[in-house]
Amino acid sequence: MPRINAATIAEHVAQQEAAVIEAARRLFDARGFRQVSLSDIAAEVGLGRTSLYRYFPTKAHLVQGWFEQAMTPLVERSRAAVDAPGTDAERLEAWLDVQLAFLLEDEHTALVAASLESEDLPDDVRERLGARHRELYATVSPLLAGPAGDDPALVRVRTVLVAGLVRSAADLVRAGADRAGVRAELGRSARLTAGLA
């Protein structure tokens, strides 16, 4: 029976999953996603390949675990920005700052690269990635509903547009555009979209 170095089995599983994800990130960074096998990752962590399969049956599921690990604190920071004191416009600006900072992190860039290289993502992984994105975007929806609580379809349109603005702003900054200028225009455009200008 394997040794458990945690107070509970759940803690042990969480520690093992975190160690596997960290090892995978290092190997993906060093060799590229496609050149790393689950056997390579298992060896890096000191697990047998069959033991690794209990945590992550495929590399796509490992990318999902990595995504979950990154999304949990992002969703928490996003909620905190929206729940903070201030005007709706100020809270929207704070939410935009959280999103833009995350999208410009090296970890996000590496995670996107790995997910794009994951060929044939299983439906369950695609659904989970989509669900977590919807959860993230739902954090800003209360600010986009307007004082009268607009039609849910209109709020969804505004939410998708604001999310697209943030992604485009990150793309511009990564391409060399002035971050402060892009950020100012992002705020102006998002406030207009939200009806907060």
N, C-alpha and C. Protein backbone atom coordinates (compact mmCIF):
# COMPACT_ATOMS: atom_id res chain seq x y z
N MET A 1 0.85 -1.18 0.00
CA MET A 1 0.00 0.00 0.00
C MET A 1 0.89 1.24 0.00
N PRO A 2 0.57 2.24 -0.87
CA PRO A 2 1.41 3.43 -0.93
C PRO A 2 1.33 4.25 0.35
N ARG A 3 2.41 4.95 0.63
CA ARG A 3 2.46 5.80 1.83
C ARG A 3 1.72 7.10 1.55
N ILE A 4 0.98 7.53 2.53
CA ILE A 4 0.24 8.78 2.43
C ILE A 4 0.89 9.75 3.39
N ASN A 5 1.37 10.86 2.85
CA ASN A 5 2.05 11.87 3.65
C ASN A 5 1.17 13.10 3.84
N ALA A 6 -0.06 12.86 4.24
CA ALA A 6 -1.00 13.95 4.48
C ALA A 6 -1.98 13.51 5.55
N ALA A 7 -2.70 14.46 6.11
CA ALA A 7 -3.64 14.15 7.18
C ALA A 7 -4.83 13.33 6.69
N THR A 8 -5.23 13.55 5.45
CA THR A 8 -6.36 12.81 4.89
C THR A 8 -6.01 12.32 3.49
N ILE A 9 -6.80 11.40 3.01
CA ILE A 9 -6.60 10.91 1.65
C ILE A 9 -6.86 12.03 0.65
N ALA A 10 -7.88 12.85 0.91
CA ALA A 10 -8.18 13.97 0.00
C ALA A 10 -6.99 14.93 -0.09
N GLU A 11 -6.36 15.21 1.04
CA GLU A 11 -5.17 16.08 1.02
C GLU A 11 -4.04 15.43 0.25
N HIS A 12 -3.87 14.13 0.43
CA HIS A 12 -2.83 13.41 -0.29
C HIS A 12 -3.07 13.48 -1.80
N VAL A 13 -4.30 13.25 -2.22
CA VAL A 13 -4.64 13.31 -3.64
C VAL A 13 -4.36 14.72 -4.17
N ALA A 14 -4.76 15.75 -3.42
CA ALA A 14 -4.53 17.13 -3.86
C ALA A 14 -3.03 17.42 -3.99
N GLN A 15 -2.23 16.93 -3.04
CA GLN A 15 -0.78 17.12 -3.11
C GLN A 15 -0.19 16.41 -4.32
N GLN A 16 -0.63 15.20 -4.56
CA GLN A 16 -0.12 14.43 -5.70
C GLN A 16 -0.50 15.11 -7.02
N GLU A 17 -1.75 15.55 -7.12
CA GLU A 17 -2.18 16.21 -8.35
C GLU A 17 -1.38 17.48 -8.58
N ALA A 18 -1.15 18.26 -7.53
CA ALA A 18 -0.36 19.49 -7.66
C ALA A 18 1.07 19.17 -8.09
N ALA A 19 1.66 18.12 -7.53
CA ALA A 19 3.02 17.73 -7.90
C ALA A 19 3.09 17.28 -9.35
N VAL A 20 2.08 16.55 -9.80
CA VAL A 20 2.03 16.09 -11.19
C VAL A 20 1.90 17.28 -12.14
N ILE A 21 1.02 18.21 -11.82
CA ILE A 21 0.82 19.39 -12.67
C ILE A 21 2.10 20.21 -12.74
N GLU A 22 2.75 20.41 -11.60
CA GLU A 22 3.99 21.19 -11.59
C GLU A 22 5.08 20.49 -12.42
N ALA A 23 5.21 19.20 -12.28
CA ALA A 23 6.20 18.45 -13.08
C ALA A 23 5.87 18.55 -14.56
N ALA A 24 4.61 18.42 -14.91
CA ALA A 24 4.20 18.52 -16.31
C ALA A 24 4.52 19.90 -16.86
N ARG A 25 4.24 20.94 -16.09
CA ARG A 25 4.53 22.31 -16.55
C ARG A 25 6.01 22.48 -16.84
N ARG A 26 6.85 21.97 -15.95
CA ARG A 26 8.31 22.07 -16.16
C ARG A 26 8.72 21.33 -17.43
N LEU A 27 8.21 20.11 -17.59
CA LEU A 27 8.57 19.33 -18.77
C LEU A 27 8.02 19.94 -20.05
N PHE A 28 6.79 20.43 -20.03
CA PHE A 28 6.23 21.07 -21.22
C PHE A 28 7.06 22.29 -21.60
N ASP A 29 7.47 23.05 -20.59
CA ASP A 29 8.28 24.24 -20.84
C ASP A 29 9.63 23.87 -21.45
N ALA A 30 10.22 22.80 -20.95
CA ALA A 30 11.56 22.39 -21.41
C ALA A 30 11.53 21.72 -22.78
N ARG A 31 10.52 20.89 -23.03
CA ARG A 31 10.52 20.06 -24.24
C ARG A 31 9.39 20.33 -25.21
N GLY A 32 8.34 20.96 -24.74
CA GLY A 32 7.14 21.13 -25.56
C GLY A 32 6.11 20.07 -25.22
N PHE A 33 4.87 20.43 -25.34
CA PHE A 33 3.76 19.57 -24.93
C PHE A 33 3.79 18.21 -25.62
N ARG A 34 3.93 18.22 -26.93
CA ARG A 34 3.82 16.97 -27.68
C ARG A 34 4.99 16.02 -27.43
N GLN A 35 6.13 16.55 -27.00
CA GLN A 35 7.30 15.70 -26.78
C GLN A 35 7.32 15.06 -25.38
N VAL A 36 6.35 15.39 -24.55
CA VAL A 36 6.31 14.87 -23.18
C VAL A 36 5.19 13.83 -23.09
N SER A 37 5.53 12.67 -22.58
CA SER A 37 4.53 11.61 -22.40
C SER A 37 4.10 11.55 -20.94
N LEU A 38 3.01 10.85 -20.69
CA LEU A 38 2.59 10.63 -19.31
C LEU A 38 3.65 9.84 -18.55
N SER A 39 4.35 8.95 -19.23
CA SER A 39 5.44 8.19 -18.59
C SER A 39 6.55 9.14 -18.13
N ASP A 40 6.87 10.14 -18.97
CA ASP A 40 7.88 11.13 -18.59
C ASP A 40 7.45 11.88 -17.33
N ILE A 41 6.20 12.25 -17.29
CA ILE A 41 5.69 13.01 -16.14
C ILE A 41 5.69 12.13 -14.90
N ALA A 42 5.25 10.89 -15.03
CA ALA A 42 5.24 9.97 -13.89
C ALA A 42 6.65 9.80 -13.33
N ALA A 43 7.63 9.63 -14.23
CA ALA A 43 9.02 9.47 -13.78
C ALA A 43 9.51 10.72 -13.07
N GLU A 44 9.14 11.88 -13.56
CA GLU A 44 9.56 13.16 -12.95
C GLU A 44 9.03 13.29 -11.53
N VAL A 45 7.82 12.79 -11.30
CA VAL A 45 7.20 12.89 -9.97
C VAL A 45 7.58 11.73 -9.06
N GLY A 46 8.04 10.64 -9.68
CA GLY A 46 8.36 9.45 -8.89
C GLY A 46 7.18 8.53 -8.71
N LEU A 47 6.25 8.58 -9.65
CA LEU A 47 5.08 7.70 -9.62
C LEU A 47 5.22 6.66 -10.72
N GLY A 48 4.60 5.53 -10.53
CA GLY A 48 4.46 4.56 -11.62
C GLY A 48 3.45 5.11 -12.61
N ARG A 49 3.59 4.73 -13.89
CA ARG A 49 2.69 5.24 -14.91
C ARG A 49 1.24 4.90 -14.58
N THR A 50 0.99 3.70 -14.10
CA THR A 50 -0.39 3.33 -13.78
C THR A 50 -0.92 4.14 -12.60
N SER A 51 -0.05 4.52 -11.67
CA SER A 51 -0.47 5.38 -10.56
C SER A 51 -0.87 6.76 -11.07
N LEU A 52 -0.11 7.27 -12.03
CA LEU A 52 -0.42 8.58 -12.60
C LEU A 52 -1.79 8.56 -13.27
N TYR A 53 -2.13 7.47 -13.93
CA TYR A 53 -3.42 7.37 -14.63
C TYR A 53 -4.60 7.51 -13.67
N ARG A 54 -4.41 7.19 -12.39
CA ARG A 54 -5.48 7.37 -11.41
C ARG A 54 -5.81 8.85 -11.22
N TYR A 55 -4.79 9.69 -11.35
CA TYR A 55 -4.99 11.13 -11.19
C TYR A 55 -5.40 11.79 -12.50
N PHE A 56 -4.70 11.44 -13.58
CA PHE A 56 -4.93 12.05 -14.88
C PHE A 56 -4.82 10.97 -15.95
N PRO A 57 -5.95 10.49 -16.48
CA PRO A 57 -5.90 9.38 -17.44
C PRO A 57 -5.28 9.75 -18.79
N THR A 58 -5.27 11.06 -19.12
CA THR A 58 -4.68 11.51 -20.39
C THR A 58 -3.99 12.85 -20.15
N LYS A 59 -3.18 13.27 -21.12
CA LYS A 59 -2.58 14.60 -21.01
C LYS A 59 -3.65 15.68 -21.07
N ALA A 60 -4.72 15.44 -21.80
CA ALA A 60 -5.81 16.41 -21.85
C ALA A 60 -6.42 16.61 -20.46
N HIS A 61 -6.59 15.53 -19.71
CA HIS A 61 -7.11 15.66 -18.35
C HIS A 61 -6.11 16.37 -17.44
N LEU A 62 -4.84 16.20 -17.71
CA LEU A 62 -3.82 16.91 -16.95
C LEU A 62 -3.91 18.41 -17.25
N VAL A 63 -4.11 18.77 -18.50
CA VAL A 63 -4.30 20.18 -18.85
C VAL A 63 -5.54 20.73 -18.15
N GLN A 64 -6.59 19.92 -18.07
CA GLN A 64 -7.79 20.34 -17.36
C GLN A 64 -7.47 20.59 -15.89
N GLY A 65 -6.70 19.71 -15.27
CA GLY A 65 -6.32 19.91 -13.87
C GLY A 65 -5.50 21.17 -13.67
N TRP A 66 -4.59 21.43 -14.59
CA TRP A 66 -3.79 22.64 -14.55
C TRP A 66 -4.69 23.87 -14.69
N PHE A 67 -5.63 23.80 -15.62
CA PHE A 67 -6.58 24.88 -15.84
C PHE A 67 -7.40 25.14 -14.57
N GLU A 68 -7.88 24.05 -13.95
CA GLU A 68 -8.66 24.19 -12.71
C GLU A 68 -7.82 24.87 -11.62
N GLN A 69 -6.56 24.47 -11.54
CA GLN A 69 -5.65 25.03 -10.53
C GLN A 69 -5.47 26.53 -10.75
N ALA A 70 -5.40 26.97 -11.99
CA ALA A 70 -5.23 28.39 -12.30
C ALA A 70 -6.54 29.17 -12.15
N MET A 71 -7.66 28.54 -12.49
CA MET A 71 -8.93 29.25 -12.50
C MET A 71 -9.50 29.53 -11.12
N THR A 72 -9.27 28.63 -10.18
CA THR A 72 -9.88 28.83 -8.86
C THR A 72 -9.49 30.17 -8.24
N PRO A 73 -8.20 30.50 -8.14
CA PRO A 73 -7.88 31.81 -7.56
C PRO A 73 -8.31 32.98 -8.46
N LEU A 74 -8.32 32.78 -9.79
CA LEU A 74 -8.76 33.85 -10.68
C LEU A 74 -10.23 34.16 -10.46
N VAL A 75 -11.06 33.15 -10.34
CA VAL A 75 -12.48 33.37 -10.08
C VAL A 75 -12.66 34.07 -8.74
N GLU A 76 -11.90 33.66 -7.73
CA GLU A 76 -12.00 34.30 -6.41
C GLU A 76 -11.60 35.78 -6.48
N ARG A 77 -10.49 36.09 -7.17
CA ARG A 77 -10.07 37.49 -7.31
C ARG A 77 -11.10 38.30 -8.10
N SER A 78 -11.69 37.66 -9.10
CA SER A 78 -12.70 38.34 -9.92
C SER A 78 -13.94 38.67 -9.11
N ARG A 79 -14.39 37.72 -8.31
CA ARG A 79 -15.55 37.96 -7.43
C ARG A 79 -15.25 39.07 -6.43
N ALA A 80 -14.05 39.02 -5.85
CA ALA A 80 -13.67 40.04 -4.87
C ALA A 80 -13.68 41.42 -5.50
N ALA A 81 -13.22 41.54 -6.75
CA ALA A 81 -13.22 42.84 -7.43
C ALA A 81 -14.64 43.36 -7.62
N VAL A 82 -15.54 42.48 -8.00
CA VAL A 82 -16.93 42.88 -8.23
C VAL A 82 -17.66 43.16 -6.92
N ASP A 83 -17.31 42.45 -5.86
CA ASP A 83 -17.97 42.62 -4.56
C ASP A 83 -17.38 43.76 -3.73
N ALA A 84 -16.30 44.36 -4.18
CA ALA A 84 -15.64 45.43 -3.42
C ALA A 84 -16.51 46.68 -3.39
N PRO A 85 -16.25 47.54 -2.40
CA PRO A 85 -16.99 48.81 -2.39
C PRO A 85 -16.60 49.66 -3.60
N GLY A 86 -17.49 50.55 -3.97
CA GLY A 86 -17.21 51.46 -5.08
C GLY A 86 -18.36 51.48 -6.05
N THR A 87 -18.22 52.34 -7.04
CA THR A 87 -19.26 52.43 -8.07
C THR A 87 -19.16 51.22 -8.98
N ASP A 88 -20.20 51.01 -9.76
CA ASP A 88 -20.16 49.92 -10.73
C ASP A 88 -18.99 50.10 -11.70
N ALA A 89 -18.75 51.33 -12.12
CA ALA A 89 -17.64 51.59 -13.05
C ALA A 89 -16.29 51.25 -12.39
N GLU A 90 -16.10 51.61 -11.14
CA GLU A 90 -14.85 51.31 -10.43
C GLU A 90 -14.67 49.80 -10.27
N ARG A 91 -15.75 49.12 -9.95
CA ARG A 91 -15.66 47.67 -9.77
C ARG A 91 -15.41 46.97 -11.10
N LEU A 92 -15.99 47.48 -12.19
CA LEU A 92 -15.71 46.94 -13.51
C LEU A 92 -14.23 47.14 -13.85
N GLU A 93 -13.70 48.31 -13.56
CA GLU A 93 -12.28 48.58 -13.81
C GLU A 93 -11.40 47.60 -13.03
N ALA A 94 -11.76 47.34 -11.78
CA ALA A 94 -10.98 46.39 -10.96
C ALA A 94 -11.06 44.99 -11.56
N TRP A 95 -12.23 44.59 -12.04
CA TRP A 95 -12.39 43.28 -12.68
C TRP A 95 -11.52 43.19 -13.92
N LEU A 96 -11.52 44.24 -14.72
CA LEU A 96 -10.68 44.27 -15.92
C LEU A 96 -9.20 44.12 -15.58
N ASP A 97 -8.77 44.79 -14.51
CA ASP A 97 -7.36 44.69 -14.08
C ASP A 97 -7.00 43.24 -13.74
N VAL A 98 -7.89 42.57 -13.02
CA VAL A 98 -7.64 41.17 -12.65
C VAL A 98 -7.51 40.30 -13.90
N GLN A 99 -8.43 40.48 -14.84
CA GLN A 99 -8.42 39.65 -16.06
C GLN A 99 -7.18 39.92 -16.90
N LEU A 100 -6.86 41.19 -17.12
CA LEU A 100 -5.72 41.52 -17.97
C LEU A 100 -4.42 41.02 -17.35
N ALA A 101 -4.28 41.19 -16.05
CA ALA A 101 -3.05 40.71 -15.38
C ALA A 101 -2.91 39.20 -15.57
N PHE A 102 -4.00 38.45 -15.41
CA PHE A 102 -3.93 37.00 -15.58
C PHE A 102 -3.59 36.62 -17.01
N LEU A 103 -4.23 37.25 -17.97
CA LEU A 103 -4.00 36.90 -19.37
C LEU A 103 -2.57 37.19 -19.81
N LEU A 104 -1.90 38.10 -19.13
CA LEU A 104 -0.53 38.45 -19.49
C LEU A 104 0.52 37.66 -18.71
N GLU A 105 0.09 36.82 -17.77
CA GLU A 105 1.03 35.99 -17.02
C GLU A 105 1.61 34.90 -17.92
N ASP A 106 2.87 34.56 -17.66
CA ASP A 106 3.51 33.47 -18.41
C ASP A 106 2.75 32.16 -18.24
N GLU A 107 2.20 31.93 -17.04
CA GLU A 107 1.48 30.68 -16.81
C GLU A 107 0.28 30.56 -17.74
N HIS A 108 -0.44 31.66 -17.93
CA HIS A 108 -1.60 31.62 -18.82
C HIS A 108 -1.16 31.32 -20.25
N THR A 109 -0.08 31.95 -20.67
CA THR A 109 0.43 31.72 -22.02
C THR A 109 0.80 30.25 -22.20
N ALA A 110 1.48 29.68 -21.22
CA ALA A 110 1.88 28.27 -21.29
C ALA A 110 0.66 27.36 -21.27
N LEU A 111 -0.32 27.69 -20.47
CA LEU A 111 -1.54 26.88 -20.39
C LEU A 111 -2.31 26.91 -21.71
N VAL A 112 -2.42 28.07 -22.32
CA VAL A 112 -3.09 28.16 -23.61
C VAL A 112 -2.34 27.35 -24.65
N ALA A 113 -1.02 27.46 -24.65
CA ALA A 113 -0.22 26.70 -25.62
C ALA A 113 -0.44 25.20 -25.45
N ALA A 114 -0.44 24.73 -24.21
CA ALA A 114 -0.66 23.30 -23.96
C ALA A 114 -2.05 22.87 -24.39
N SER A 115 -3.05 23.69 -24.10
CA SER A 115 -4.41 23.29 -24.47
C SER A 115 -4.59 23.28 -25.99
N LEU A 116 -3.92 24.20 -26.68
CA LEU A 116 -4.01 24.22 -28.14
C LEU A 116 -3.29 23.03 -28.76
N GLU A 117 -2.24 22.55 -28.10
CA GLU A 117 -1.51 21.39 -28.61
C GLU A 117 -2.17 20.07 -28.23
N SER A 118 -3.11 20.12 -27.31
CA SER A 118 -3.84 18.91 -26.92
C SER A 118 -4.81 18.56 -28.04
N GLU A 119 -4.43 17.60 -28.83
CA GLU A 119 -5.30 17.20 -29.93
C GLU A 119 -6.47 16.38 -29.40
N ASP A 120 -7.61 16.58 -30.01
CA ASP A 120 -8.78 15.77 -29.67
C ASP A 120 -9.11 15.81 -28.19
N LEU A 121 -9.34 17.00 -27.65
CA LEU A 121 -9.75 17.09 -26.25
C LEU A 121 -11.06 16.33 -26.08
N PRO A 122 -11.14 15.46 -25.09
CA PRO A 122 -12.39 14.73 -24.86
C PRO A 122 -13.52 15.70 -24.53
N ASP A 123 -14.74 15.28 -24.83
CA ASP A 123 -15.90 16.14 -24.59
C ASP A 123 -16.00 16.57 -23.14
N ASP A 124 -15.69 15.67 -22.19
CA ASP A 124 -15.81 16.04 -20.78
C ASP A 124 -14.82 17.14 -20.41
N VAL A 125 -13.63 17.12 -21.02
CA VAL A 125 -12.63 18.15 -20.76
C VAL A 125 -13.09 19.47 -21.38
N ARG A 126 -13.55 19.42 -22.62
CA ARG A 126 -14.05 20.64 -23.28
C ARG A 126 -15.19 21.27 -22.47
N GLU A 127 -16.10 20.44 -22.00
CA GLU A 127 -17.23 20.94 -21.22
C GLU A 127 -16.76 21.59 -19.93
N ARG A 128 -15.80 20.97 -19.26
CA ARG A 128 -15.31 21.54 -18.00
C ARG A 128 -14.58 22.86 -18.23
N LEU A 129 -13.78 22.95 -19.28
CA LEU A 129 -13.09 24.20 -19.59
C LEU A 129 -14.12 25.30 -19.89
N GLY A 130 -15.13 24.95 -20.65
CA GLY A 130 -16.18 25.92 -20.97
C GLY A 130 -16.95 26.35 -19.72
N ALA A 131 -17.26 25.39 -18.85
CA ALA A 131 -18.00 25.71 -17.62
C ALA A 131 -17.21 26.66 -16.74
N ARG A 132 -15.91 26.44 -16.63
CA ARG A 132 -15.09 27.33 -15.78
C ARG A 132 -14.99 28.73 -16.39
N HIS A 133 -14.93 28.83 -17.72
CA HIS A 133 -14.94 30.15 -18.36
C HIS A 133 -16.27 30.85 -18.09
N ARG A 134 -17.36 30.11 -18.21
CA ARG A 134 -18.67 30.72 -17.94
C ARG A 134 -18.76 31.17 -16.49
N GLU A 135 -18.20 30.38 -15.57
CA GLU A 135 -18.19 30.77 -14.15
C GLU A 135 -17.40 32.07 -13.96
N LEU A 136 -16.26 32.16 -14.63
CA LEU A 136 -15.45 33.37 -14.54
C LEU A 136 -16.21 34.58 -15.07
N TYR A 137 -16.80 34.45 -16.25
CA TYR A 137 -17.50 35.58 -16.85
C TYR A 137 -18.76 35.95 -16.07
N ALA A 138 -19.34 34.98 -15.39
CA ALA A 138 -20.53 35.27 -14.57
C ALA A 138 -20.19 36.21 -13.41
N THR A 139 -18.93 36.27 -13.02
CA THR A 139 -18.57 37.16 -11.91
C THR A 139 -18.81 38.62 -12.27
N VAL A 140 -18.70 38.98 -13.55
CA VAL A 140 -18.88 40.37 -13.95
C VAL A 140 -20.32 40.67 -14.38
N SER A 141 -21.11 39.65 -14.59
CA SER A 141 -22.48 39.85 -15.09
C SER A 141 -23.32 40.81 -14.25
N PRO A 142 -23.23 40.80 -12.91
CA PRO A 142 -24.05 41.75 -12.15
C PRO A 142 -23.76 43.21 -12.50
N LEU A 143 -22.54 43.50 -12.90
CA LEU A 143 -22.20 44.88 -13.28
C LEU A 143 -22.71 45.24 -14.66
N LEU A 144 -23.05 44.23 -15.46
CA LEU A 144 -23.46 44.46 -16.83
C LEU A 144 -24.98 44.41 -17.00
N ALA A 145 -25.69 44.17 -15.91
CA ALA A 145 -27.15 44.05 -15.98
C ALA A 145 -27.83 45.39 -15.99
N GLY A 146 -27.15 46.44 -15.58
CA GLY A 146 -27.77 47.76 -15.54
C GLY A 146 -28.66 47.88 -14.32
N PRO A 147 -29.04 49.10 -14.00
CA PRO A 147 -29.83 49.34 -12.79
C PRO A 147 -31.20 48.66 -12.81
N ALA A 148 -31.77 48.46 -13.99
CA ALA A 148 -33.09 47.85 -14.08
C ALA A 148 -33.02 46.33 -14.24
N GLY A 149 -31.81 45.77 -14.26
CA GLY A 149 -31.68 44.32 -14.44
C GLY A 149 -32.11 43.91 -15.83
N ASP A 150 -31.33 44.29 -16.81
CA ASP A 150 -31.66 44.04 -18.22
C ASP A 150 -31.97 42.58 -18.50
N ASP A 151 -32.49 42.38 -19.66
CA ASP A 151 -32.80 41.06 -20.19
C ASP A 151 -31.56 40.16 -20.11
N PRO A 152 -31.69 38.93 -19.60
CA PRO A 152 -30.53 38.03 -19.48
C PRO A 152 -29.77 37.81 -20.80
N ALA A 153 -30.48 37.81 -21.92
CA ALA A 153 -29.80 37.64 -23.21
C ALA A 153 -28.90 38.84 -23.50
N LEU A 154 -29.34 40.04 -23.16
CA LEU A 154 -28.53 41.24 -23.37
C LEU A 154 -27.32 41.24 -22.42
N VAL A 155 -27.53 40.81 -21.19
CA VAL A 155 -26.42 40.72 -20.23
C VAL A 155 -25.38 39.73 -20.74
N ARG A 156 -25.83 38.62 -21.32
CA ARG A 156 -24.89 37.64 -21.87
C ARG A 156 -24.09 38.24 -23.02
N VAL A 157 -24.75 38.98 -23.89
CA VAL A 157 -24.06 39.63 -25.00
C VAL A 157 -23.01 40.59 -24.46
N ARG A 158 -23.40 41.41 -23.49
CA ARG A 158 -22.44 42.35 -22.90
C ARG A 158 -21.26 41.61 -22.27
N THR A 159 -21.55 40.52 -21.58
CA THR A 159 -20.50 39.75 -20.91
C THR A 159 -19.50 39.19 -21.92
N VAL A 160 -20.02 38.61 -22.99
CA VAL A 160 -19.14 38.05 -24.02
C VAL A 160 -18.33 39.15 -24.69
N LEU A 161 -18.95 40.30 -24.93
CA LEU A 161 -18.23 41.42 -25.55
C LEU A 161 -17.11 41.92 -24.64
N VAL A 162 -17.40 42.08 -23.36
CA VAL A 162 -16.37 42.56 -22.42
C VAL A 162 -15.24 41.54 -22.32
N ALA A 163 -15.57 40.26 -22.25
CA ALA A 163 -14.53 39.23 -22.21
C ALA A 163 -13.67 39.28 -23.46
N GLY A 164 -14.30 39.49 -24.61
CA GLY A 164 -13.55 39.61 -25.86
C GLY A 164 -12.66 40.84 -25.87
N LEU A 165 -13.13 41.93 -25.30
CA LEU A 165 -12.30 43.13 -25.21
C LEU A 165 -11.04 42.87 -24.39
N VAL A 166 -11.19 42.15 -23.28
CA VAL A 166 -10.04 41.85 -22.43
C VAL A 166 -9.04 40.97 -23.18
N ARG A 167 -9.53 39.94 -23.85
CA ARG A 167 -8.62 39.06 -24.61
C ARG A 167 -7.90 39.84 -25.71
N SER A 168 -8.62 40.71 -26.39
CA SER A 168 -8.01 41.52 -27.44
C SER A 168 -6.97 42.48 -26.86
N ALA A 169 -7.26 43.06 -25.72
CA ALA A 169 -6.31 43.96 -25.07
C ALA A 169 -5.03 43.21 -24.72
N ALA A 170 -5.17 42.00 -24.19
CA ALA A 170 -3.99 41.20 -23.86
C ALA A 170 -3.18 40.88 -25.11
N ASP A 171 -3.86 40.54 -26.20
CA ASP A 171 -3.18 40.26 -27.46
C ASP A 171 -2.38 41.49 -27.93
N LEU A 172 -2.98 42.66 -27.82
CA LEU A 172 -2.29 43.88 -28.23
C LEU A 172 -1.05 44.14 -27.39
N VAL A 173 -1.17 43.97 -26.08
CA VAL A 173 -0.02 44.20 -25.19
C VAL A 173 1.08 43.20 -25.50
N ARG A 174 0.71 41.93 -25.69
CA ARG A 174 1.72 40.91 -26.03
C ARG A 174 2.40 41.22 -27.37
N ALA A 175 1.68 41.88 -28.26
CA ALA A 175 2.24 42.23 -29.57
C ALA A 175 3.07 43.51 -29.52
N GLY A 176 3.16 44.14 -28.34
CA GLY A 176 4.04 45.30 -28.20
C GLY A 176 3.34 46.63 -28.02
N ALA A 177 2.02 46.66 -28.01
CA ALA A 177 1.31 47.92 -27.81
C ALA A 177 1.53 48.42 -26.38
N ASP A 178 1.45 49.73 -26.22
CA ASP A 178 1.64 50.35 -24.91
C ASP A 178 0.55 49.87 -23.94
N ARG A 179 0.99 49.24 -22.86
CA ARG A 179 0.02 48.65 -21.93
C ARG A 179 -0.90 49.68 -21.31
N ALA A 180 -0.36 50.82 -20.91
CA ALA A 180 -1.19 51.84 -20.27
C ALA A 180 -2.24 52.37 -21.26
N GLY A 181 -1.84 52.59 -22.48
CA GLY A 181 -2.79 53.07 -23.48
C GLY A 181 -3.87 52.04 -23.79
N VAL A 182 -3.45 50.80 -23.93
CA VAL A 182 -4.41 49.71 -24.19
C VAL A 182 -5.37 49.59 -23.01
N ARG A 183 -4.82 49.66 -21.79
CA ARG A 183 -5.66 49.51 -20.60
C ARG A 183 -6.68 50.63 -20.51
N ALA A 184 -6.26 51.86 -20.83
CA ALA A 184 -7.20 52.98 -20.78
C ALA A 184 -8.34 52.78 -21.78
N GLU A 185 -8.00 52.34 -22.99
CA GLU A 185 -9.03 52.12 -24.01
C GLU A 185 -9.91 50.93 -23.66
N LEU A 186 -9.32 49.91 -23.05
CA LEU A 186 -10.10 48.76 -22.59
C LEU A 186 -11.16 49.22 -21.59
N GLY A 187 -10.76 50.03 -20.62
CA GLY A 187 -11.71 50.53 -19.63
C GLY A 187 -12.82 51.34 -20.26
N ARG A 188 -12.45 52.26 -21.17
CA ARG A 188 -13.44 53.09 -21.83
C ARG A 188 -14.42 52.24 -22.63
N SER A 189 -13.90 51.29 -23.39
CA SER A 189 -14.75 50.44 -24.23
C SER A 189 -15.65 49.55 -23.38
N ALA A 190 -15.11 48.99 -22.31
CA ALA A 190 -15.90 48.12 -21.44
C ALA A 190 -17.00 48.90 -20.73
N ARG A 191 -16.68 50.11 -20.28
CA ARG A 191 -17.71 50.94 -19.63
C ARG A 191 -18.85 51.27 -20.60
N LEU A 192 -18.48 51.57 -21.85
CA LEU A 192 -19.50 51.84 -22.88
C LEU A 192 -20.37 50.61 -23.11
N THR A 193 -19.73 49.45 -23.25
CA THR A 193 -20.46 48.21 -23.46
C THR A 193 -21.41 47.92 -22.30
N ALA A 194 -20.94 48.22 -21.09
CA ALA A 194 -21.74 47.95 -19.89
C ALA A 194 -22.79 49.02 -19.64
N GLY A 195 -22.75 50.10 -20.39
CA GLY A 195 -23.68 51.21 -20.16
C GLY A 195 -23.30 52.01 -18.94
N LEU A 196 -22.00 52.04 -18.59
CA LEU A 196 -21.52 52.74 -17.40
C LEU A 196 -20.70 53.98 -17.73
N ALA A 197 -20.72 54.40 -19.00
CA ALA A 197 -19.88 55.54 -19.40
C ALA A 197 -20.58 56.85 -19.07
